PDB file of N, CA and C in Angstrom:
ATOM      1  N   UNK A   1     -36.509  46.594   3.397  1.00  0.00           N
ATOM      2  CA  UNK A   1     -35.544  46.617   2.170  1.00  0.00           C
ATOM      3  C   UNK A   1     -36.062  47.393   0.844  1.00  0.00           C
ATOM      4  N   UNK A   2     -35.340  48.595   0.804  1.00  0.00           N
ATOM      5  CA  UNK A   2     -35.323  49.454  -0.371  1.00  0.00           C
ATOM      6  C   UNK A   2     -35.595  48.865  -1.770  1.00  0.00           C
ATOM      7  N   UNK A   3     -36.525  49.100  -2.616  1.00  0.00           N
ATOM      8  CA  UNK A   3     -36.536  48.501  -3.701  1.00  0.00           C
ATOM      9  C   UNK A   3     -36.810  49.692  -4.603  1.00  0.00           C
ATOM     10  N   UNK A   4     -35.970  49.871  -6.001  1.00  0.00           N
ATOM     11  CA  UNK A   4     -36.235  50.911  -6.724  1.00  0.00           C
ATOM     12  C   UNK A   4     -36.085  50.346  -8.198  1.00  0.00           C
ATOM     13  N   UNK A   5     -36.989  50.795  -8.911  1.00  0.00           N
ATOM     14  CA  UNK A   5     -37.195  50.580 -10.428  1.00  0.00           C
ATOM     15  C   UNK A   5     -36.603  51.835 -11.162  1.00  0.00           C
ATOM     16  N   UNK A   6     -35.524  51.445 -11.773  1.00  0.00           N
ATOM     17  CA  UNK A   6     -34.792  52.641 -12.559  1.00  0.00           C
ATOM     18  C   UNK A   6     -34.857  52.478 -14.150  1.00  0.00           C
ATOM     19  N   UNK A   7     -34.601  53.275 -14.899  1.00  0.00           N
ATOM     20  CA  UNK A   7     -34.347  53.444 -16.194  1.00  0.00           C
ATOM     21  C   UNK A   7     -33.005  53.925 -16.418  1.00  0.00           C
ATOM     22  N   UNK A   8     -32.007  53.200 -16.876  1.00  0.00           N
ATOM     23  CA  UNK A   8     -30.787  53.894 -17.203  1.00  0.00           C
ATOM     24  C   UNK A   8     -30.951  54.249 -18.706  1.00  0.00           C
ATOM     25  N   UNK A   9     -30.538  55.489 -18.975  1.00  0.00           N
ATOM     26  CA  UNK A   9     -30.462  56.078 -20.131  1.00  0.00           C
ATOM     27  C   UNK A   9     -29.008  56.137 -20.679  1.00  0.00           C
ATOM     28  N   UNK A  10     -28.659  55.240 -21.590  1.00  0.00           N
ATOM     29  CA  UNK A  10     -27.316  55.020 -21.972  1.00  0.00           C
ATOM     30  C   UNK A  10     -26.919  56.129 -23.025  1.00  0.00           C
ATOM     31  N   UNK A  11     -25.664  56.618 -23.055  1.00  0.00           N
ATOM     32  CA  UNK A  11     -25.096  57.685 -23.657  1.00  0.00           C
ATOM     33  C   UNK A  11     -24.407  56.846 -25.139  1.00  0.00           C
ATOM     34  N   UNK A  12     -24.039  55.727 -24.978  1.00  0.00           N
ATOM     35  CA  UNK A  12     -23.736  54.776 -26.149  1.00  0.00           C
ATOM     36  C   UNK A  12     -23.874  53.487 -25.988  1.00  0.00           C
ATOM     37  N   UNK A  13     -23.483  52.616 -26.849  1.00  0.00           N
ATOM     38  CA  UNK A  13     -23.658  51.230 -26.614  1.00  0.00           C
ATOM     39  C   UNK A  13     -22.596  50.593 -25.802  1.00  0.00           C
ATOM     40  N   UNK A  14     -22.013  51.139 -24.760  1.00  0.00           N
ATOM     41  CA  UNK A  14     -20.835  50.814 -24.137  1.00  0.00           C
ATOM     42  C   UNK A  14     -21.169  49.373 -23.363  1.00  0.00           C
ATOM     43  N   UNK A  15     -20.594  48.417 -23.712  1.00  0.00           N
ATOM     44  CA  UNK A  15     -20.811  47.092 -23.028  1.00  0.00           C
ATOM     45  C   UNK A  15     -19.991  46.910 -21.682  1.00  0.00           C
ATOM     46  N   UNK A  16     -19.229  47.861 -21.541  1.00  0.00           N
ATOM     47  CA  UNK A  16     -18.555  47.894 -20.091  1.00  0.00           C
ATOM     48  C   UNK A  16     -19.555  48.290 -19.117  1.00  0.00           C
ATOM     49  N   UNK A  17     -20.401  49.408 -19.424  1.00  0.00           N
ATOM     50  CA  UNK A  17     -21.472  49.651 -18.297  1.00  0.00           C
ATOM     51  C   UNK A  17     -22.332  48.591 -18.073  1.00  0.00           C
ATOM     52  N   UNK A  18     -22.818  47.792 -19.099  1.00  0.00           N
ATOM     53  CA  UNK A  18     -23.525  46.762 -18.843  1.00  0.00           C
ATOM     54  C   UNK A  18     -22.891  45.583 -18.096  1.00  0.00           C
ATOM     55  N   UNK A  19     -21.619  45.565 -18.200  1.00  0.00           N
ATOM     56  CA  UNK A  19     -20.927  44.438 -17.399  1.00  0.00           C
ATOM     57  C   UNK A  19     -20.898  44.878 -15.964  1.00  0.00           C
ATOM     58  N   UNK A  20     -20.604  46.196 -15.788  1.00  0.00           N
ATOM     59  CA  UNK A  20     -20.514  46.740 -14.230  1.00  0.00           C
ATOM     60  C   UNK A  20     -21.837  46.510 -13.661  1.00  0.00           C
ATOM     61  N   UNK A  21     -22.961  46.882 -14.179  1.00  0.00           N
ATOM     62  CA  UNK A  21     -24.175  46.851 -13.622  1.00  0.00           C
ATOM     63  C   UNK A  21     -24.624  45.458 -13.219  1.00  0.00           C
ATOM     64  N   UNK A  22     -24.216  44.593 -14.289  1.00  0.00           N
ATOM     65  CA  UNK A  22     -24.582  43.001 -14.069  1.00  0.00           C
ATOM     66  C   UNK A  22     -23.732  42.470 -13.118  1.00  0.00           C
ATOM     67  N   UNK A  23     -22.670  42.910 -12.783  1.00  0.00           N
ATOM     68  CA  UNK A  23     -21.649  42.550 -11.735  1.00  0.00           C
ATOM     69  C   UNK A  23     -21.882  42.665 -10.201  1.00  0.00           C
ATOM     70  N   UNK A  24     -22.873  43.877 -10.224  1.00  0.00           N
ATOM     71  CA  UNK A  24     -23.354  44.276  -8.770  1.00  0.00           C
ATOM     72  C   UNK A  24     -24.606  43.474  -8.393  1.00  0.00           C
ATOM     73  N   UNK A  25     -24.519  42.756  -7.085  1.00  0.00           N
ATOM     74  CA  UNK A  25     -25.502  41.957  -6.821  1.00  0.00           C
ATOM     75  C   UNK A  25     -26.947  42.534  -6.319  1.00  0.00           C
ATOM     76  N   UNK A  26     -26.660  43.916  -6.238  1.00  0.00           N
ATOM     77  CA  UNK A  26     -27.907  44.761  -5.782  1.00  0.00           C
ATOM     78  C   UNK A  26     -28.897  45.102  -7.214  1.00  0.00           C
ATOM     79  N   UNK A  27     -28.173  44.935  -8.308  1.00  0.00           N
ATOM     80  CA  UNK A  27     -28.758  45.140  -9.500  1.00  0.00           C
ATOM     81  C   UNK A  27     -29.295  43.897 -10.330  1.00  0.00           C
ATOM     82  N   UNK A  28     -30.598  44.224 -10.771  1.00  0.00           N
ATOM     83  CA  UNK A  28     -31.258  43.110 -11.737  1.00  0.00           C
ATOM     84  C   UNK A  28     -31.626  44.026 -13.194  1.00  0.00           C
ATOM     85  N   UNK A  29     -31.015  43.547 -14.110  1.00  0.00           N
ATOM     86  CA  UNK A  29     -31.354  44.124 -15.428  1.00  0.00           C
ATOM     87  C   UNK A  29     -32.375  43.454 -16.073  1.00  0.00           C
ATOM     88  N   UNK A  30     -33.277  44.286 -16.567  1.00  0.00           N
ATOM     89  CA  UNK A  30     -34.561  43.796 -17.401  1.00  0.00           C
ATOM     90  C   UNK A  30     -34.070  43.369 -18.774  1.00  0.00           C
ATOM     91  N   UNK A  31     -34.936  43.394 -19.652  1.00  0.00           N
ATOM     92  CA  UNK A  31     -34.771  43.158 -21.066  1.00  0.00           C
ATOM     93  C   UNK A  31     -34.426  44.456 -21.783  1.00  0.00           C
ATOM     94  N   UNK A  32     -33.205  44.406 -22.493  1.00  0.00           N
ATOM     95  CA  UNK A  32     -32.759  45.407 -23.086  1.00  0.00           C
ATOM     96  C   UNK A  32     -31.303  45.542 -23.178  1.00  0.00           C
ATOM     97  N   UNK A  33     -30.552  46.611 -23.404  1.00  0.00           N
ATOM     98  CA  UNK A  33     -31.020  48.138 -23.566  1.00  0.00           C
ATOM     99  C   UNK A  33     -32.137  47.801 -25.095  1.00  0.00           C
ATOM    100  N   UNK A  34     -33.054  48.888 -24.934  1.00  0.00           N
ATOM    101  CA  UNK A  34     -34.146  49.127 -25.924  1.00  0.00           C
ATOM    102  C   UNK A  34     -34.016  50.534 -26.308  1.00  0.00           C
ATOM    103  N   UNK A  35     -33.676  50.884 -27.323  1.00  0.00           N
ATOM    104  CA  UNK A  35     -33.504  52.533 -27.859  1.00  0.00           C
ATOM    105  C   UNK A  35     -32.655  53.093 -26.896  1.00  0.00           C
ATOM    106  N   UNK A  36     -31.486  52.567 -26.170  1.00  0.00           N
ATOM    107  CA  UNK A  36     -30.648  53.475 -25.380  1.00  0.00           C
ATOM    108  C   UNK A  36     -31.163  53.362 -24.005  1.00  0.00           C
ATOM    109  N   UNK A  37     -32.258  52.500 -23.546  1.00  0.00           N
ATOM    110  CA  UNK A  37     -32.735  52.640 -22.259  1.00  0.00           C
ATOM    111  C   UNK A  37     -32.799  51.142 -21.803  1.00  0.00           C
ATOM    112  N   UNK A  38     -32.274  51.223 -20.368  1.00  0.00           N
ATOM    113  CA  UNK A  38     -32.061  49.792 -19.842  1.00  0.00           C
ATOM    114  C   UNK A  38     -32.909  49.658 -18.544  1.00  0.00           C
ATOM    115  N   UNK A  39     -33.794  48.902 -18.283  1.00  0.00           N
ATOM    116  CA  UNK A  39     -34.626  48.675 -17.072  1.00  0.00           C
ATOM    117  C   UNK A  39     -33.718  48.002 -16.082  1.00  0.00           C
ATOM    118  N   UNK A  40     -33.672  48.555 -14.913  1.00  0.00           N
ATOM    119  CA  UNK A  40     -32.850  48.024 -13.813  1.00  0.00           C
ATOM    120  C   UNK A  40     -33.611  47.881 -12.242  1.00  0.00           C
ATOM    121  N   UNK A  41     -33.833  46.946 -11.527  1.00  0.00           N
ATOM    122  CA  UNK A  41     -34.348  46.886 -10.276  1.00  0.00           C
ATOM    123  C   UNK A  41     -33.090  46.708  -9.346  1.00  0.00           C
ATOM    124  N   UNK A  42     -33.260  47.726  -8.400  1.00  0.00           N
ATOM    125  CA  UNK A  42     -32.088  48.005  -7.385  1.00  0.00           C
ATOM    126  C   UNK A  42     -32.783  47.531  -6.047  1.00  0.00           C
ATOM    127  N   UNK A  43     -32.088  46.450  -5.444  1.00  0.00           N
ATOM    128  CA  UNK A  43     -32.584  46.101  -4.120  1.00  0.00           C
ATOM    129  C   UNK A  43     -31.619  46.149  -3.089  1.00  0.00           C
ATOM    130  N   UNK A  44     -31.527  47.158  -2.188  1.00  0.00           N
ATOM    131  CA  UNK A  44     -30.677  47.348  -1.102  1.00  0.00           C
ATOM    132  C   UNK A  44     -31.036  47.052   0.323  1.00  0.00           C
ATOM    133  N   UNK A  45     -30.096  47.144   1.133  1.00  0.00           N
ATOM    134  CA  UNK A  45     -30.497  47.031   2.558  1.00  0.00           C
ATOM    135  C   UNK A  45     -30.692  48.120   3.216  1.00  0.00           C
ATOM    136  N   UNK A  46     -30.698  49.407   2.697  1.00  0.00           N
ATOM    137  CA  UNK A  46     -30.948  50.569   3.456  1.00  0.00           C
ATOM    138  C   UNK A  46     -31.148  51.621   2.445  1.00  0.00           C
ATOM    139  N   UNK A  47     -31.872  52.831   2.845  1.00  0.00           N
ATOM    140  CA  UNK A  47     -32.052  53.997   2.033  1.00  0.00           C
ATOM    141  C   UNK A  47     -30.664  54.501   1.820  1.00  0.00           C
ATOM    142  N   UNK A  48     -29.714  54.657   2.446  1.00  0.00           N
ATOM    143  CA  UNK A  48     -28.445  55.301   2.407  1.00  0.00           C
ATOM    144  C   UNK A  48     -27.737  54.356   1.226  1.00  0.00           C
ATOM    145  N   UNK A  49     -27.710  53.062   1.235  1.00  0.00           N
ATOM    146  CA  UNK A  49     -27.206  52.282   0.364  1.00  0.00           C
ATOM    147  C   UNK A  49     -27.990  52.434  -1.042  1.00  0.00           C
ATOM    148  N   UNK A  50     -29.261  52.692  -1.149  1.00  0.00           N
ATOM    149  CA  UNK A  50     -29.942  52.947  -2.328  1.00  0.00           C
ATOM    150  C   UNK A  50     -29.411  54.194  -2.909  1.00  0.00           C
ATOM    151  N   UNK A  51     -29.363  55.243  -2.053  1.00  0.00           N
ATOM    152  CA  UNK A  51     -28.901  56.530  -2.632  1.00  0.00           C
ATOM    153  C   UNK A  51     -27.468  56.410  -3.171  1.00  0.00           C
ATOM    154  N   UNK A  52     -26.525  55.778  -2.511  1.00  0.00           N
ATOM    155  CA  UNK A  52     -25.205  55.428  -2.841  1.00  0.00           C
ATOM    156  C   UNK A  52     -25.224  54.767  -4.269  1.00  0.00           C
ATOM    157  N   UNK A  53     -25.968  53.629  -4.460  1.00  0.00           N
ATOM    158  CA  UNK A  53     -26.107  52.903  -5.692  1.00  0.00           C
ATOM    159  C   UNK A  53     -26.622  53.841  -6.782  1.00  0.00           C
ATOM    160  N   UNK A  54     -27.494  54.433  -6.462  1.00  0.00           N
ATOM    161  CA  UNK A  54     -27.979  55.436  -7.670  1.00  0.00           C
ATOM    162  C   UNK A  54     -26.930  56.324  -8.053  1.00  0.00           C
ATOM    163  N   UNK A  55     -26.361  56.899  -7.099  1.00  0.00           N
ATOM    164  CA  UNK A  55     -25.006  57.675  -7.357  1.00  0.00           C
ATOM    165  C   UNK A  55     -24.138  57.219  -8.226  1.00  0.00           C
ATOM    166  N   UNK A  56     -23.745  55.946  -7.713  1.00  0.00           N
ATOM    167  CA  UNK A  56     -22.569  55.101  -8.600  1.00  0.00           C
ATOM    168  C   UNK A  56     -23.076  54.885 -10.017  1.00  0.00           C
ATOM    169  N   UNK A  57     -24.485  54.364 -10.350  1.00  0.00           N
ATOM    170  CA  UNK A  57     -24.933  54.368 -11.501  1.00  0.00           C
ATOM    171  C   UNK A  57     -24.803  55.582 -12.414  1.00  0.00           C
ATOM    172  N   UNK A  58     -25.095  56.625 -11.824  1.00  0.00           N
ATOM    173  CA  UNK A  58     -24.925  57.862 -12.393  1.00  0.00           C
ATOM    174  C   UNK A  58     -23.563  58.299 -12.995  1.00  0.00           C
ATOM    175  N   UNK A  59     -22.645  57.746 -12.112  1.00  0.00           N
ATOM    176  CA  UNK A  59     -21.370  58.197 -12.499  1.00  0.00           C
ATOM    177  C   UNK A  59     -20.510  57.219 -13.359  1.00  0.00           C
ATOM    178  N   UNK A  60     -21.287  56.105 -13.625  1.00  0.00           N
ATOM    179  CA  UNK A  60     -20.628  55.191 -14.642  1.00  0.00           C
ATOM    180  C   UNK A  60     -20.430  55.738 -15.984  1.00  0.00           C
ATOM    181  N   UNK A  61     -19.343  55.406 -16.652  1.00  0.00           N
ATOM    182  CA  UNK A  61     -18.990  56.023 -17.929  1.00  0.00           C
ATOM    183  C   UNK A  61     -19.994  55.266 -18.970  1.00  0.00           C
ATOM    184  N   UNK A  62     -20.542  56.021 -19.869  1.00  0.00           N
ATOM    185  CA  UNK A  62     -21.795  55.562 -20.707  1.00  0.00           C
ATOM    186  C   UNK A  62     -23.055  55.709 -20.257  1.00  0.00           C
ATOM    187  N   UNK A  63     -23.290  56.279 -19.078  1.00  0.00           N
ATOM    188  CA  UNK A  63     -24.621  56.620 -18.366  1.00  0.00           C
ATOM    189  C   UNK A  63     -24.972  58.117 -18.525  1.00  0.00           C
ATOM    190  N   UNK A  64     -25.940  58.256 -19.279  1.00  0.00           N
ATOM    191  CA  UNK A  64     -26.381  59.627 -19.645  1.00  0.00           C
ATOM    192  C   UNK A  64     -27.304  60.108 -18.438  1.00  0.00           C
ATOM    193  N   UNK A  65     -28.193  59.115 -17.985  1.00  0.00           N
ATOM    194  CA  UNK A  65     -29.239  59.634 -16.934  1.00  0.00           C
ATOM    195  C   UNK A  65     -29.652  58.463 -16.275  1.00  0.00           C
ATOM    196  N   UNK A  66     -30.083  58.812 -15.026  1.00  0.00           N
ATOM    197  CA  UNK A  66     -30.926  57.524 -14.276  1.00  0.00           C
ATOM    198  C   UNK A  66     -32.253  58.119 -13.851  1.00  0.00           C
ATOM    199  N   UNK A  67     -33.153  57.533 -14.438  1.00  0.00           N
ATOM    200  CA  UNK A  67     -34.515  57.946 -14.150  1.00  0.00           C
ATOM    201  C   UNK A  67     -35.113  56.964 -13.023  1.00  0.00           C
ATOM    202  N   UNK A  68     -35.886  57.562 -12.129  1.00  0.00           N
ATOM    203  CA  UNK A  68     -36.359  56.579 -11.109  1.00  0.00           C
ATOM    204  C   UNK A  68     -37.958  56.569 -11.664  1.00  0.00           C
ATOM    205  N   UNK A  69     -38.379  55.248 -11.753  1.00  0.00           N
ATOM    206  CA  UNK A  69     -39.731  54.893 -12.242  1.00  0.00           C
ATOM    207  C   UNK A  69     -40.432  54.548 -10.893  1.00  0.00           C
ATOM    208  N   UNK A  70     -39.953  54.086  -9.873  1.00  0.00           N
ATOM    209  CA  UNK A  70     -40.470  53.528  -8.769  1.00  0.00           C
ATOM    210  C   UNK A  70     -39.760  53.372  -7.528  1.00  0.00           C
ATOM    211  N   UNK A  71     -40.216  53.817  -6.489  1.00  0.00           N
ATOM    212  CA  UNK A  71     -39.327  53.427  -5.079  1.00  0.00           C
ATOM    213  C   UNK A  71     -40.334  52.780  -4.223  1.00  0.00           C
ATOM    214  N   UNK A  72     -39.874  51.766  -3.385  1.00  0.00           N
ATOM    215  CA  UNK A  72     -40.571  51.190  -2.231  1.00  0.00           C
ATOM    216  C   UNK A  72     -39.801  51.123  -1.102  1.00  0.00           C
ATOM    217  N   UNK A  73     -39.929  52.129   0.026  1.00  0.00           N
ATOM    218  CA  UNK A  73     -39.170  52.054   1.221  1.00  0.00           C
ATOM    219  C   UNK A  73     -40.195  51.808   2.266  1.00  0.00           C
ATOM    220  N   UNK A  74     -41.343  51.174   1.853  1.00  0.00           N
ATOM    221  CA  UNK A  74     -42.324  50.959   2.887  1.00  0.00           C
ATOM    222  C   UNK A  74     -41.895  50.307   4.236  1.00  0.00           C
ATOM    223  N   UNK A  75     -41.044  49.300   4.222  1.00  0.00           N
ATOM    224  CA  UNK A  75     -40.473  48.513   5.345  1.00  0.00           C
ATOM    225  C   UNK A  75     -39.202  48.993   5.845  1.00  0.00           C
ATOM    226  N   UNK A  76     -38.959  50.259   5.659  1.00  0.00           N
ATOM    227  CA  UNK A  76     -37.715  51.184   6.174  1.00  0.00           C
ATOM    228  C   UNK A  76     -37.815  52.133   6.911  1.00  0.00           C
ATOM    229  N   UNK A  77     -37.085  52.723   7.845  1.00  0.00           N
ATOM    230  CA  UNK A  77     -37.043  53.921   8.487  1.00  0.00           C
ATOM    231  C   UNK A  77     -36.176  54.826   7.720  1.00  0.00           C
ATOM    232  N   UNK A  78     -36.661  56.081   7.159  1.00  0.00           N
ATOM    233  CA  UNK A  78     -35.770  56.952   6.391  1.00  0.00           C
ATOM    234  C   UNK A  78     -35.231  57.960   7.517  1.00  0.00           C
ATOM    235  N   UNK A  79     -33.973  58.066   7.486  1.00  0.00           N
ATOM    236  CA  UNK A  79     -33.264  59.143   8.099  1.00  0.00           C
ATOM    237  C   UNK A  79     -33.080  60.478   7.005  1.00  0.00           C
ATOM    238  N   UNK A  80     -33.797  61.464   7.458  1.00  0.00           N
ATOM    239  CA  UNK A  80     -33.838  62.767   6.594  1.00  0.00           C
ATOM    240  C   UNK A  80     -32.763  63.526   6.916  1.00  0.00           C
ATOM    241  N   UNK A  81     -31.981  64.001   5.786  1.00  0.00           N
ATOM    242  CA  UNK A  81     -31.154  64.933   5.992  1.00  0.00           C
ATOM    243  C   UNK A  81     -31.454  66.358   6.185  1.00  0.00           C
ATOM    244  N   UNK A  82     -30.634  67.127   6.843  1.00  0.00           N
ATOM    245  CA  UNK A  82     -31.150  68.576   6.891  1.00  0.00           C
ATOM    246  C   UNK A  82     -31.486  69.262   5.583  1.00  0.00           C
ATOM    247  N   UNK A  83     -30.598  68.918   4.579  1.00  0.00           N
ATOM    248  CA  UNK A  83     -30.823  69.684   3.292  1.00  0.00           C
ATOM    249  C   UNK A  83     -32.161  69.088   2.503  1.00  0.00           C
ATOM    250  N   UNK A  84     -32.825  68.087   3.052  1.00  0.00           N
ATOM    251  CA  UNK A  84     -33.981  67.635   2.692  1.00  0.00           C
ATOM    252  C   UNK A  84     -35.380  68.163   3.396  1.00  0.00           C
ATOM    253  N   UNK A  85     -35.093  68.996   4.109  1.00  0.00           N
ATOM    254  CA  UNK A  85     -36.073  69.712   4.775  1.00  0.00           C
ATOM    255  C   UNK A  85     -36.412  68.868   6.227  1.00  0.00           C
ATOM    256  N   UNK A  86     -35.920  67.792   6.559  1.00  0.00           N
ATOM    257  CA  UNK A  86     -36.283  67.148   7.607  1.00  0.00           C
ATOM    258  C   UNK A  86     -35.435  67.609   8.994  1.00  0.00           C
ATOM    259  N   UNK A  87     -34.575  68.449   8.929  1.00  0.00           N
ATOM    260  CA  UNK A  87     -33.849  68.998   9.962  1.00  0.00           C
ATOM    261  C   UNK A  87     -33.263  67.695  10.798  1.00  0.00           C
ATOM    262  N   UNK A  88     -32.980  66.788  10.110  1.00  0.00           N
ATOM    263  CA  UNK A  88     -32.379  65.575  10.825  1.00  0.00           C
ATOM    264  C   UNK A  88     -33.315  64.779  11.670  1.00  0.00           C
ATOM    265  N   UNK A  89     -34.746  64.961  11.396  1.00  0.00           N
ATOM    266  CA  UNK A  89     -35.704  64.028  12.096  1.00  0.00           C
ATOM    267  C   UNK A  89     -35.824  62.855  11.508  1.00  0.00           C
ATOM    268  N   UNK A  90     -36.485  61.917  12.218  1.00  0.00           N
ATOM    269  CA  UNK A  90     -36.654  60.583  11.463  1.00  0.00           C
ATOM    270  C   UNK A  90     -38.142  60.337  11.170  1.00  0.00           C
ATOM    271  N   UNK A  91     -38.310  59.874   9.889  1.00  0.00           N
ATOM    272  CA  UNK A  91     -39.561  59.368   9.461  1.00  0.00           C
ATOM    273  C   UNK A  91     -39.858  58.183   9.265  1.00  0.00           C
ATOM    274  N   UNK A  92     -40.872  57.460   9.444  1.00  0.00           N
ATOM    275  CA  UNK A  92     -41.008  56.193   9.017  1.00  0.00           C
ATOM    276  C   UNK A  92     -41.689  56.444   7.430  1.00  0.00           C
ATOM    277  N   UNK A  93     -41.939  55.170   6.838  1.00  0.00           N
ATOM    278  CA  UNK A  93     -42.367  55.234   5.242  1.00  0.00           C
ATOM    279  C   UNK A  93     -43.688  56.086   5.179  1.00  0.00           C
ATOM    280  N   UNK A  94     -44.493  56.033   6.325  1.00  0.00           N
ATOM    281  CA  UNK A  94     -45.809  56.871   6.239  1.00  0.00           C
ATOM    282  C   UNK A  94     -45.663  58.213   6.839  1.00  0.00           C
ATOM    283  N   UNK A  95     -44.624  58.853   7.094  1.00  0.00           N
ATOM    284  CA  UNK A  95     -44.394  60.115   7.228  1.00  0.00           C
ATOM    285  C   UNK A  95     -44.451  60.463   8.915  1.00  0.00           C
ATOM    286  N   UNK A  96     -44.596  59.476   9.791  1.00  0.00           N
ATOM    287  CA  UNK A  96     -44.653  59.743  11.185  1.00  0.00           C
ATOM    288  C   UNK A  96     -43.400  60.008  11.803  1.00  0.00           C
ATOM    289  N   UNK A  97     -43.416  61.148  12.407  1.00  0.00           N
ATOM    290  CA  UNK A  97     -42.003  61.560  13.152  1.00  0.00           C
ATOM    291  C   UNK A  97     -41.894  60.640  14.128  1.00  0.00           C
ATOM    292  N   UNK A  98     -40.329  60.571  14.274  1.00  0.00           N
ATOM    293  CA  UNK A  98     -39.979  59.653  15.452  1.00  0.00           C
ATOM    294  C   UNK A  98     -38.809  60.595  16.236  1.00  0.00           C
TER     295      UNK A  98
END
């Protein structure tokens, strides 16, 4: 199960963005925001869902930037996309081609 530690940089003190993140069961908000930065742990069922959730967070009104502090995909198989240099090959978390 992919786990990502994120820092959401807020453009303003928009409480709607906090409510939207809190409402998502994949997101756990840490203490904050502090100085416009909000720590969030994202736990998803797949790498594709993780990517989609990060894009969703980036698109929320009031979010200036999503910084990745930590990724753990160690218990997943990653499907690499052709534009990521993998040519559609599959690699496990340790880089072994499948």
